[in-house]
PDB file of N, CA and C in Angstrom:
ATOM      1  N   UNK A   1      25.068 -17.316   4.890  1.00  0.00           N
ATOM      2  CA  UNK A   1      24.555 -16.520   3.806  1.00  0.00           C
ATOM      3  C   UNK A   1      23.280 -17.143   3.234  1.00  0.00           C
ATOM      4  N   UNK A   2      23.244 -18.464   3.191  1.00  0.00           N
ATOM      5  CA  UNK A   2      22.067 -19.153   2.673  1.00  0.00           C
ATOM      6  C   UNK A   2      20.884 -18.973   3.615  1.00  0.00           C
ATOM      7  N   UNK A   3      21.151 -18.977   4.917  1.00  0.00           N
ATOM      8  CA  UNK A   3      20.081 -18.811   5.902  1.00  0.00           C
ATOM      9  C   UNK A   3      19.478 -17.413   5.789  1.00  0.00           C
ATOM     10  N   UNK A   4      20.318 -16.403   5.605  1.00  0.00           N
ATOM     11  CA  UNK A   4      19.829 -15.032   5.446  1.00  0.00           C
ATOM     12  C   UNK A   4      18.970 -14.905   4.187  1.00  0.00           C
ATOM     13  N   UNK A   5      19.376 -15.557   3.116  1.00  0.00           N
ATOM     14  CA  UNK A   5      18.597 -15.523   1.875  1.00  0.00           C
ATOM     15  C   UNK A   5      17.234 -16.171   2.067  1.00  0.00           C
ATOM     16  N   UNK A   6      17.186 -17.291   2.780  1.00  0.00           N
ATOM     17  CA  UNK A   6      15.910 -17.973   3.029  1.00  0.00           C
ATOM     18  C   UNK A   6      14.998 -17.115   3.899  1.00  0.00           C
ATOM     19  N   UNK A   7      15.568 -16.502   4.932  1.00  0.00           N
ATOM     20  CA  UNK A   7      14.769 -15.657   5.817  1.00  0.00           C
ATOM     21  C   UNK A   7      14.223 -14.455   5.057  1.00  0.00           C
ATOM     22  N   UNK A   8      15.060 -13.805   4.249  1.00  0.00           N
ATOM     23  CA  UNK A   8      14.595 -12.661   3.462  1.00  0.00           C
ATOM     24  C   UNK A   8      13.531 -13.054   2.444  1.00  0.00           C
ATOM     25  N   UNK A   9      13.664 -14.234   1.869  1.00  0.00           N
ATOM     26  CA  UNK A   9      12.658 -14.707   0.909  1.00  0.00           C
ATOM     27  C   UNK A   9      11.325 -14.957   1.590  1.00  0.00           C
ATOM     28  N   UNK A  10      11.355 -15.525   2.778  1.00  0.00           N
ATOM     29  CA  UNK A  10      10.111 -15.778   3.525  1.00  0.00           C
ATOM     30  C   UNK A  10       9.448 -14.454   3.909  1.00  0.00           C
ATOM     31  N   UNK A  11      10.240 -13.504   4.394  1.00  0.00           N
ATOM     32  CA  UNK A  11       9.695 -12.192   4.748  1.00  0.00           C
ATOM     33  C   UNK A  11       9.156 -11.489   3.501  1.00  0.00           C
ATOM     34  N   UNK A  12       9.830 -11.654   2.379  1.00  0.00           N
ATOM     35  CA  UNK A  12       9.394 -11.063   1.112  1.00  0.00           C
ATOM     36  C   UNK A  12       8.038 -11.619   0.687  1.00  0.00           C
ATOM     37  N   UNK A  13       7.845 -12.906   0.809  1.00  0.00           N
ATOM     38  CA  UNK A  13       6.571 -13.531   0.440  1.00  0.00           C
ATOM     39  C   UNK A  13       5.457 -13.071   1.368  1.00  0.00           C
ATOM     40  N   UNK A  14       5.742 -12.998   2.661  1.00  0.00           N
ATOM     41  CA  UNK A  14       4.743 -12.521   3.629  1.00  0.00           C
ATOM     42  C   UNK A  14       4.374 -11.073   3.322  1.00  0.00           C
ATOM     43  N   UNK A  15       5.375 -10.260   2.996  1.00  0.00           N
ATOM     44  CA  UNK A  15       5.127  -8.859   2.653  1.00  0.00           C
ATOM     45  C   UNK A  15       4.279  -8.748   1.384  1.00  0.00           C
ATOM     46  N   UNK A  16       4.550  -9.591   0.399  1.00  0.00           N
ATOM     47  CA  UNK A  16       3.786  -9.560  -0.850  1.00  0.00           C
ATOM     48  C   UNK A  16       2.319  -9.925  -0.615  1.00  0.00           C
ATOM     49  N   UNK A  17       2.080 -10.939   0.193  1.00  0.00           N
ATOM     50  CA  UNK A  17       0.699 -11.350   0.487  1.00  0.00           C
ATOM     51  C   UNK A  17      -0.015 -10.272   1.289  1.00  0.00           C
ATOM     52  N   UNK A  18       0.668  -9.703   2.287  1.00  0.00           N
ATOM     53  CA  UNK A  18       0.063  -8.646   3.097  1.00  0.00           C
ATOM     54  C   UNK A  18      -0.247  -7.419   2.244  1.00  0.00           C
ATOM     55  N   UNK A  19       0.644  -7.085   1.339  1.00  0.00           N
ATOM     56  CA  UNK A  19       0.430  -5.938   0.455  1.00  0.00           C
ATOM     57  C   UNK A  19      -0.764  -6.177  -0.464  1.00  0.00           C
ATOM     58  N   UNK A  20      -0.909  -7.383  -0.971  1.00  0.00           N
ATOM     59  CA  UNK A  20      -2.058  -7.709  -1.819  1.00  0.00           C
ATOM     60  C   UNK A  20      -3.368  -7.593  -1.040  1.00  0.00           C
ATOM     61  N   UNK A  21      -3.367  -8.058   0.201  1.00  0.00           N
ATOM     62  CA  UNK A  21      -4.571  -7.980   1.034  1.00  0.00           C
ATOM     63  C   UNK A  21      -4.920  -6.522   1.331  1.00  0.00           C
ATOM     64  N   UNK A  22      -3.911  -5.727   1.666  1.00  0.00           N
ATOM     65  CA  UNK A  22      -4.159  -4.317   1.970  1.00  0.00           C
ATOM     66  C   UNK A  22      -4.703  -3.584   0.752  1.00  0.00           C
ATOM     67  N   UNK A  23      -4.169  -3.863  -0.414  1.00  0.00           N
ATOM     68  CA  UNK A  23      -4.644  -3.208  -1.634  1.00  0.00           C
ATOM     69  C   UNK A  23      -6.073  -3.625  -1.948  1.00  0.00           C
ATOM     70  N   UNK A  24      -6.390  -4.896  -1.756  1.00  0.00           N
ATOM     71  CA  UNK A  24      -7.751  -5.357  -2.038  1.00  0.00           C
ATOM     72  C   UNK A  24      -8.763  -4.835  -1.033  1.00  0.00           C
ATOM     73  N   UNK A  25      -8.326  -4.451   0.157  1.00  0.00           N
ATOM     74  CA  UNK A  25      -9.239  -3.914   1.168  1.00  0.00           C
ATOM     75  C   UNK A  25      -9.629  -2.465   0.897  1.00  0.00           C
ATOM     76  N   UNK A  26      -8.864  -1.781   0.060  1.00  0.00           N
ATOM     77  CA  UNK A  26      -9.146  -0.372  -0.204  1.00  0.00           C
ATOM     78  C   UNK A  26     -10.364  -0.208  -1.099  1.00  0.00           C
ATOM     79  N   UNK A  27     -11.033   0.917  -0.906  1.00  0.00           N
ATOM     80  CA  UNK A  27     -12.196   1.228  -1.730  1.00  0.00           C
ATOM     81  C   UNK A  27     -11.728   1.776  -3.065  1.00  0.00           C
ATOM     82  N   UNK A  28     -12.513   1.503  -4.110  1.00  0.00           N
ATOM     83  CA  UNK A  28     -12.197   2.043  -5.420  1.00  0.00           C
ATOM     84  C   UNK A  28     -12.529   3.519  -5.493  1.00  0.00           C
ATOM     85  N   UNK A  29     -11.796   4.223  -6.290  1.00  0.00           N
ATOM     86  CA  UNK A  29     -12.054   5.650  -6.466  1.00  0.00           C
ATOM     87  C   UNK A  29     -12.934   5.815  -7.701  1.00  0.00           C
ATOM     88  N   UNK A  30     -14.240   5.779  -7.487  1.00  0.00           N
ATOM     89  CA  UNK A  30     -15.201   5.825  -8.582  1.00  0.00           C
ATOM     90  C   UNK A  30     -15.383   7.221  -9.137  1.00  0.00           C
ATOM     91  N   UNK A  31     -15.038   8.242  -8.368  1.00  0.00           N
ATOM     92  CA  UNK A  31     -15.245   9.622  -8.807  1.00  0.00           C
ATOM     93  C   UNK A  31     -14.133  10.019  -9.767  1.00  0.00           C
ATOM     94  N   UNK A  32     -14.279   9.628 -11.001  1.00  0.00           N
ATOM     95  CA  UNK A  32     -13.306   9.986 -12.025  1.00  0.00           C
ATOM     96  C   UNK A  32     -13.645  11.333 -12.619  1.00  0.00           C
ATOM     97  N   UNK A  33     -13.786  11.385 -13.922  1.00  0.00           N
ATOM     98  CA  UNK A  33     -14.088  12.637 -14.611  1.00  0.00           C
ATOM     99  C   UNK A  33     -15.486  13.130 -14.252  1.00  0.00           C
ATOM    100  N   UNK A  34     -16.447  12.231 -14.141  1.00  0.00           N
ATOM    101  CA  UNK A  34     -17.814  12.663 -13.824  1.00  0.00           C
ATOM    102  C   UNK A  34     -17.907  13.179 -12.404  1.00  0.00           C
ATOM    103  N   UNK A  35     -17.117  12.632 -11.493  1.00  0.00           N
ATOM    104  CA  UNK A  35     -17.149  13.116 -10.117  1.00  0.00           C
ATOM    105  C   UNK A  35     -16.592  14.520  -9.994  1.00  0.00           C
ATOM    106  N   UNK A  36     -15.572  14.825 -10.767  1.00  0.00           N
ATOM    107  CA  UNK A  36     -14.998  16.170 -10.691  1.00  0.00           C
ATOM    108  C   UNK A  36     -15.895  17.192 -11.384  1.00  0.00           C
ATOM    109  N   UNK A  37     -16.635  16.772 -12.408  1.00  0.00           N
ATOM    110  CA  UNK A  37     -17.559  17.683 -13.089  1.00  0.00           C
ATOM    111  C   UNK A  37     -18.742  17.998 -12.191  1.00  0.00           C
ATOM    112  N   UNK A  38     -19.212  17.000 -11.467  1.00  0.00           N
ATOM    113  CA  UNK A  38     -20.382  17.177 -10.619  1.00  0.00           C
ATOM    114  C   UNK A  38     -20.036  17.798  -9.273  1.00  0.00           C
ATOM    115  N   UNK A  39     -18.793  18.174  -9.061  1.00  0.00           N
ATOM    116  CA  UNK A  39     -18.424  18.803  -7.797  1.00  0.00           C
ATOM    117  C   UNK A  39     -17.925  17.811  -6.776  1.00  0.00           C
ATOM    118  N   UNK A  40     -17.412  16.697  -7.208  1.00  0.00           N
ATOM    119  CA  UNK A  40     -16.930  15.680  -6.286  1.00  0.00           C
ATOM    120  C   UNK A  40     -15.625  16.033  -5.609  1.00  0.00           C
ATOM    121  N   UNK A  41     -14.966  17.082  -6.068  1.00  0.00           N
ATOM    122  CA  UNK A  41     -13.682  17.447  -5.475  1.00  0.00           C
ATOM    123  C   UNK A  41     -13.826  18.491  -4.373  1.00  0.00           C
ATOM    124  N   UNK A  42     -15.028  18.747  -3.924  1.00  0.00           N
ATOM    125  CA  UNK A  42     -15.239  19.730  -2.867  1.00  0.00           C
ATOM    126  C   UNK A  42     -14.691  19.205  -1.546  1.00  0.00           C
ATOM    127  N   UNK A  43     -14.261  20.136  -0.695  1.00  0.00           N
ATOM    128  CA  UNK A  43     -13.745  19.747   0.609  1.00  0.00           C
ATOM    129  C   UNK A  43     -14.891  19.325   1.510  1.00  0.00           C
ATOM    130  N   UNK A  44     -14.812  18.131   2.008  1.00  0.00           N
ATOM    131  CA  UNK A  44     -15.808  17.627   2.939  1.00  0.00           C
ATOM    132  C   UNK A  44     -15.109  17.253   4.225  1.00  0.00           C
ATOM    133  N   UNK A  45     -15.884  16.877   5.203  1.00  0.00           N
ATOM    134  CA  UNK A  45     -15.312  16.455   6.479  1.00  0.00           C
ATOM    135  C   UNK A  45     -14.405  15.254   6.285  1.00  0.00           C
ATOM    136  N   UNK A  46     -14.817  14.308   5.457  1.00  0.00           N
ATOM    137  CA  UNK A  46     -14.027  13.084   5.272  1.00  0.00           C
ATOM    138  C   UNK A  46     -12.755  13.337   4.484  1.00  0.00           C
ATOM    139  N   UNK A  47     -12.778  14.287   3.546  1.00  0.00           N
ATOM    140  CA  UNK A  47     -11.560  14.564   2.789  1.00  0.00           C
ATOM    141  C   UNK A  47     -10.535  15.312   3.635  1.00  0.00           C
ATOM    142  N   UNK A  48     -10.998  16.111   4.585  1.00  0.00           N
ATOM    143  CA  UNK A  48     -10.077  16.834   5.455  1.00  0.00           C
ATOM    144  C   UNK A  48      -9.465  15.915   6.511  1.00  0.00           C
ATOM    145  N   UNK A  49     -10.210  14.945   6.984  1.00  0.00           N
ATOM    146  CA  UNK A  49      -9.755  14.055   8.049  1.00  0.00           C
ATOM    147  C   UNK A  49      -9.499  12.647   7.525  1.00  0.00           C
ATOM    148  N   UNK A  50      -9.007  12.547   6.310  1.00  0.00           N
ATOM    149  CA  UNK A  50      -8.800  11.238   5.686  1.00  0.00           C
ATOM    150  C   UNK A  50      -7.741  10.422   6.419  1.00  0.00           C
ATOM    151  N   UNK A  51      -6.724  11.078   6.967  1.00  0.00           N
ATOM    152  CA  UNK A  51      -5.650  10.333   7.623  1.00  0.00           C
ATOM    153  C   UNK A  51      -6.130   9.635   8.884  1.00  0.00           C
ATOM    154  N   UNK A  52      -7.210  10.097   9.475  1.00  0.00           N
ATOM    155  CA  UNK A  52      -7.738   9.472  10.688  1.00  0.00           C
ATOM    156  C   UNK A  52      -8.694   8.324  10.407  1.00  0.00           C
ATOM    157  N   UNK A  53      -9.179   8.225   9.190  1.00  0.00           N
ATOM    158  CA  UNK A  53     -10.134   7.186   8.844  1.00  0.00           C
ATOM    159  C   UNK A  53      -9.422   5.887   8.500  1.00  0.00           C
ATOM    160  N   UNK A  54     -10.191   4.836   8.361  1.00  0.00           N
ATOM    161  CA  UNK A  54      -9.598   3.547   7.996  1.00  0.00           C
ATOM    162  C   UNK A  54      -9.037   3.582   6.578  1.00  0.00           C
ATOM    163  N   UNK A  55      -9.636   4.385   5.719  1.00  0.00           N
ATOM    164  CA  UNK A  55      -9.131   4.522   4.350  1.00  0.00           C
ATOM    165  C   UNK A  55      -7.748   5.178   4.353  1.00  0.00           C
ATOM    166  N   UNK A  56      -7.577   6.181   5.190  1.00  0.00           N
ATOM    167  CA  UNK A  56      -6.287   6.845   5.301  1.00  0.00           C
ATOM    168  C   UNK A  56      -5.219   5.930   5.877  1.00  0.00           C
ATOM    169  N   UNK A  57      -5.613   5.094   6.838  1.00  0.00           N
ATOM    170  CA  UNK A  57      -4.665   4.143   7.429  1.00  0.00           C
ATOM    171  C   UNK A  57      -4.257   3.078   6.417  1.00  0.00           C
ATOM    172  N   UNK A  58      -5.205   2.609   5.620  1.00  0.00           N
ATOM    173  CA  UNK A  58      -4.869   1.632   4.580  1.00  0.00           C
ATOM    174  C   UNK A  58      -3.937   2.242   3.544  1.00  0.00           C
ATOM    175  N   UNK A  59      -4.156   3.506   3.219  1.00  0.00           N
ATOM    176  CA  UNK A  59      -3.285   4.196   2.280  1.00  0.00           C
ATOM    177  C   UNK A  59      -1.867   4.314   2.847  1.00  0.00           C
ATOM    178  N   UNK A  60      -1.771   4.643   4.130  1.00  0.00           N
ATOM    179  CA  UNK A  60      -0.469   4.754   4.792  1.00  0.00           C
ATOM    180  C   UNK A  60       0.245   3.402   4.822  1.00  0.00           C
ATOM    181  N   UNK A  61      -0.468   2.346   5.194  1.00  0.00           N
ATOM    182  CA  UNK A  61       0.141   1.014   5.254  1.00  0.00           C
ATOM    183  C   UNK A  61       0.526   0.506   3.864  1.00  0.00           C
ATOM    184  N   UNK A  62      -0.200   0.920   2.844  1.00  0.00           N
ATOM    185  CA  UNK A  62       0.164   0.551   1.472  1.00  0.00           C
ATOM    186  C   UNK A  62       1.505   1.169   1.094  1.00  0.00           C
ATOM    187  N   UNK A  63       1.682   2.426   1.434  1.00  0.00           N
ATOM    188  CA  UNK A  63       2.952   3.102   1.125  1.00  0.00           C
ATOM    189  C   UNK A  63       4.115   2.457   1.872  1.00  0.00           C
ATOM    190  N   UNK A  64       3.912   2.149   3.140  1.00  0.00           N
ATOM    191  CA  UNK A  64       4.963   1.500   3.932  1.00  0.00           C
ATOM    192  C   UNK A  64       5.246   0.106   3.371  1.00  0.00           C
ATOM    193  N   UNK A  65       4.197  -0.637   3.030  1.00  0.00           N
ATOM    194  CA  UNK A  65       4.365  -1.984   2.486  1.00  0.00           C
ATOM    195  C   UNK A  65       5.110  -1.993   1.167  1.00  0.00           C
ATOM    196  N   UNK A  66       4.821  -1.032   0.310  1.00  0.00           N
ATOM    197  CA  UNK A  66       5.523  -0.942  -0.980  1.00  0.00           C
ATOM    198  C   UNK A  66       6.996  -0.628  -0.758  1.00  0.00           C
ATOM    199  N   UNK A  67       7.287   0.267   0.178  1.00  0.00           N
ATOM    200  CA  UNK A  67       8.685   0.602   0.469  1.00  0.00           C
ATOM    201  C   UNK A  67       9.445  -0.615   0.988  1.00  0.00           C
ATOM    202  N   UNK A  68       8.828  -1.359   1.904  1.00  0.00           N
ATOM    203  CA  UNK A  68       9.462  -2.571   2.447  1.00  0.00           C
ATOM    204  C   UNK A  68       9.642  -3.613   1.346  1.00  0.00           C
ATOM    205  N   UNK A  69       8.646  -3.746   0.493  1.00  0.00           N
ATOM    206  CA  UNK A  69       8.695  -4.711  -0.605  1.00  0.00           C
ATOM    207  C   UNK A  69       9.862  -4.405  -1.546  1.00  0.00           C
ATOM    208  N   UNK A  70      10.019  -3.139  -1.906  1.00  0.00           N
ATOM    209  CA  UNK A  70      11.102  -2.753  -2.816  1.00  0.00           C
ATOM    210  C   UNK A  70      12.463  -2.952  -2.162  1.00  0.00           C
ATOM    211  N   UNK A  71      12.593  -2.574  -0.899  1.00  0.00           N
ATOM    212  CA  UNK A  71      13.864  -2.749  -0.191  1.00  0.00           C
ATOM    213  C   UNK A  71      14.225  -4.222  -0.082  1.00  0.00           C
ATOM    214  N   UNK A  72      13.244  -5.066   0.252  1.00  0.00           N
ATOM    215  CA  UNK A  72      13.508  -6.502   0.333  1.00  0.00           C
ATOM    216  C   UNK A  72      13.885  -7.080  -1.025  1.00  0.00           C
ATOM    217  N   UNK A  73      13.221  -6.624  -2.078  1.00  0.00           N
ATOM    218  CA  UNK A  73      13.550  -7.107  -3.421  1.00  0.00           C
ATOM    219  C   UNK A  73      14.989  -6.750  -3.780  1.00  0.00           C
ATOM    220  N   UNK A  74      15.406  -5.531  -3.448  1.00  0.00           N
ATOM    221  CA  UNK A  74      16.781  -5.132  -3.725  1.00  0.00           C
ATOM    222  C   UNK A  74      17.782  -5.929  -2.886  1.00  0.00           C
ATOM    223  N   UNK A  75      17.455  -6.149  -1.615  1.00  0.00           N
ATOM    224  CA  UNK A  75      18.352  -6.918  -0.748  1.00  0.00           C
ATOM    225  C   UNK A  75      18.499  -8.360  -1.240  1.00  0.00           C
ATOM    226  N   UNK A  76      17.409  -8.967  -1.630  1.00  0.00           N
ATOM    227  CA  UNK A  76      17.472 -10.352  -2.123  1.00  0.00           C
ATOM    228  C   UNK A  76      18.273 -10.407  -3.424  1.00  0.00           C
ATOM    229  N   UNK A  77      18.118  -9.401  -4.265  1.00  0.00           N
ATOM    230  CA  UNK A  77      18.853  -9.351  -5.523  1.00  0.00           C
ATOM    231  C   UNK A  77      20.355  -9.171  -5.280  1.00  0.00           C
ATOM    232  N   UNK A  78      20.717  -8.378  -4.293  1.00  0.00           N
ATOM    233  CA  UNK A  78      22.133  -8.150  -3.988  1.00  0.00           C
ATOM    234  C   UNK A  78      22.773  -9.402  -3.393  1.00  0.00           C
ATOM    235  N   UNK A  79      22.032 -10.124  -2.571  1.00  0.00           N
ATOM    236  CA  UNK A  79      22.576 -11.316  -1.919  1.00  0.00           C
ATOM    237  C   UNK A  79      22.790 -12.446  -2.928  1.00  0.00           C
ATOM    238  N   UNK A  80      21.949 -12.521  -3.932  1.00  0.00           N
ATOM    239  CA  UNK A  80      22.120 -13.589  -4.928  1.00  0.00           C
ATOM    240  C   UNK A  80      23.403 -13.342  -5.652  1.00  0.00           C
TER     241      UNK A  80
END
Protein backbone atom coordinates (compact mmCIF):
# COMPACT_ATOMS: atom_id res chain seq x y z
CA UNK A 1 0.00 0.00 0.00
CA UNK A 2 2.89 2.34 0.76
CA UNK A 3 4.51 1.60 -2.60
CA UNK A 4 1.27 2.43 -4.44
CA UNK A 5 1.01 5.72 -2.54
CA UNK A 6 4.60 6.66 -3.47
CA UNK A 7 4.05 5.78 -7.13
CA UNK A 8 0.81 7.78 -7.28
CA UNK A 9 2.49 10.75 -5.61
CA UNK A 10 5.34 10.70 -8.13
CA UNK A 11 2.90 10.49 -11.05
CA UNK A 12 0.86 13.29 -9.46
CA UNK A 13 3.90 15.58 -9.27
CA UNK A 14 4.88 14.80 -12.87
CA UNK A 15 1.30 15.52 -13.96
CA UNK A 16 1.29 18.83 -12.06
CA UNK A 17 4.54 19.99 -13.67
CA UNK A 18 3.39 18.90 -17.14
CA UNK A 19 0.07 20.68 -16.66
CA UNK A 20 1.85 23.88 -15.61
CA UNK A 21 4.09 23.72 -18.70
CA UNK A 22 1.14 23.11 -21.01
CA UNK A 23 -0.80 26.02 -19.53
CA UNK A 24 2.18 28.36 -19.84
CA UNK A 25 2.66 27.37 -23.49
CA UNK A 26 -0.83 28.55 -24.43
CA UNK A 27 -1.41 31.95 -25.96
CA UNK A 28 -3.33 34.55 -24.00
CA UNK A 29 -6.78 35.48 -25.15
CA UNK A 30 -6.31 39.22 -25.60
CA UNK A 31 -9.57 39.74 -27.48
CA UNK A 32 -11.77 40.58 -24.53
CA UNK A 33 -14.54 43.15 -24.68
CA UNK A 34 -12.74 45.31 -27.25
CA UNK A 35 -12.16 42.33 -29.53
CA UNK A 36 -15.83 41.44 -29.59
CA UNK A 37 -16.84 45.07 -30.24
CA UNK A 38 -14.40 45.37 -33.12
CA UNK A 39 -15.65 42.17 -34.74
CA UNK A 40 -13.14 39.77 -33.24
CA UNK A 41 -15.72 37.03 -32.92
CA UNK A 42 -16.13 36.57 -36.67
CA UNK A 43 -15.61 33.11 -38.11
CA UNK A 44 -12.18 32.82 -39.63
CA UNK A 45 -10.21 29.93 -41.03
CA UNK A 46 -8.31 29.53 -37.77
CA UNK A 47 -11.42 29.57 -35.59
CA UNK A 48 -13.07 26.88 -37.70
CA UNK A 49 -10.00 24.62 -37.73
CA UNK A 50 -8.81 25.30 -34.19
CA UNK A 51 -8.72 21.61 -33.24
CA UNK A 52 -6.09 20.95 -35.91
CA UNK A 53 -3.77 23.74 -34.83
CA UNK A 54 -1.21 23.61 -32.06
CA UNK A 55 -3.45 25.86 -29.96
CA UNK A 56 -6.28 23.36 -30.24
CA UNK A 57 -3.97 20.49 -29.30
CA UNK A 58 -2.72 22.36 -26.24
CA UNK A 59 -6.31 23.02 -25.24
CA UNK A 60 -7.13 19.31 -25.61
CA UNK A 61 -4.07 18.22 -23.60
CA UNK A 62 -4.95 20.75 -20.89
CA UNK A 63 -8.39 19.20 -20.49
CA UNK A 64 -6.95 15.68 -20.36
CA UNK A 65 -4.24 16.80 -17.91
CA UNK A 66 -6.76 18.43 -15.58
CA UNK A 67 -8.91 15.28 -15.60
CA UNK A 68 -5.89 13.08 -14.77
CA UNK A 69 -4.79 15.54 -12.09
CA UNK A 70 -8.19 15.49 -10.37
CA UNK A 71 -8.47 11.69 -10.56
CA UNK A 72 -4.98 11.26 -9.11
CA UNK A 73 -5.74 13.74 -6.33
CA UNK A 74 -8.86 11.79 -5.41
CA UNK A 75 -7.02 8.46 -5.53
CA UNK A 76 -4.21 9.73 -3.31
CA UNK A 77 -6.77 11.15 -0.88
CA UNK A 78 -8.65 7.83 -0.71
CA UNK A 79 -5.47 5.81 -0.13
CA UNK A 80 -4.37 8.00 2.77
